[in-house]
């Protein structure tokens, strides 16, 4: 039986700043973060483009590609692989109004060129997947953009990337809001509909984050099922959410263990581990966590996931089948709860 592979991003080890207060933990150097991966049981690294190549805005395309190749040597030495590269447009002043959907043509051109540089970085790192989290691709006021045209612009960007390289794939990570009030492509259904409008739908899929689905008022496991049925779930970002608040990125299973169980269950039903794709974790340490134990959110999330895998695999199938035959779903519910409680 295939084993699950796990990934996280350098941003998941952070200093604890939030919109209401400064940092509370010292910065951990990027090189030191890489050394932590294997110790915590992770094999894959999620990258923003400027995680992999800092200062890329001031570098030529050739220099960017060379820097990515050098970083791959470091990953190889640590026994790590890159899972994906994502263009980080939302922290640049040119992306203030969105990048791909900006009202300014020069800003859209900048964003599209940066997406192509992501392809170069991905090549250098030995991976073939970009992730599009469309952070500021939306509006704070509906009348500021033509949403019909905005969707066409997003498709145009994808087509430019797909045309730039015949092997690159794109996983769209939907989210309904934050940082924009209303973000285009809010659900995986939107993402996969857009995929079929591109020049090569076979190379566009989805990445589903637990919290993002919950913020849209949806069940993450059903969103995963929708993508899995189409063979389009290319990664997940597992975490948890304590209600419809800001994107909390809590430890997986820490707020809704039953919901976490169902996310693991649907991945098991689809034999997701057999695909070799990663279980990505996008979790943040609590701001109150001391620096010397500020990695537990990662190891805890991985441990909870694997324990839930065991719970899914050991749930008595005869009990499930009998409850379904008898249409006694109350009995099924209690059996699941008892199984989780041990």
Foldseek 3Di string as FASTA:
>chain_A
DFDAAEEEEPVQQDQQDDPVGDGDADDDDLLRVLLVQVVLPHAEYEEELCSQPPPCVVDDLVVSLVSLLVVLVSSVVSNHAYQEYEHDLCVDPLCVQHQLQRPDPVSVVVVLVSVLSRCSSCVSRVHQEYEYERANLDAQDNVVGDVVVSLVSVLVSVQSNCVSDVRHAYAYEAAQCPPHRGHPRQAQVNQLVSLVVHPHSVRYAHEYEQLRQVLVVHQSLVSVLVRLVVVRHQEYAAADDQHNDPRQLHQHCPRPVVSSLSNLLSCVVSVVSVVVGHHYYHHHFHSPDYSVCRCVSPSVSVVSSVVSNVLNVPQDVVQVVVCVVVVPVVSVVVSSVVSVVD
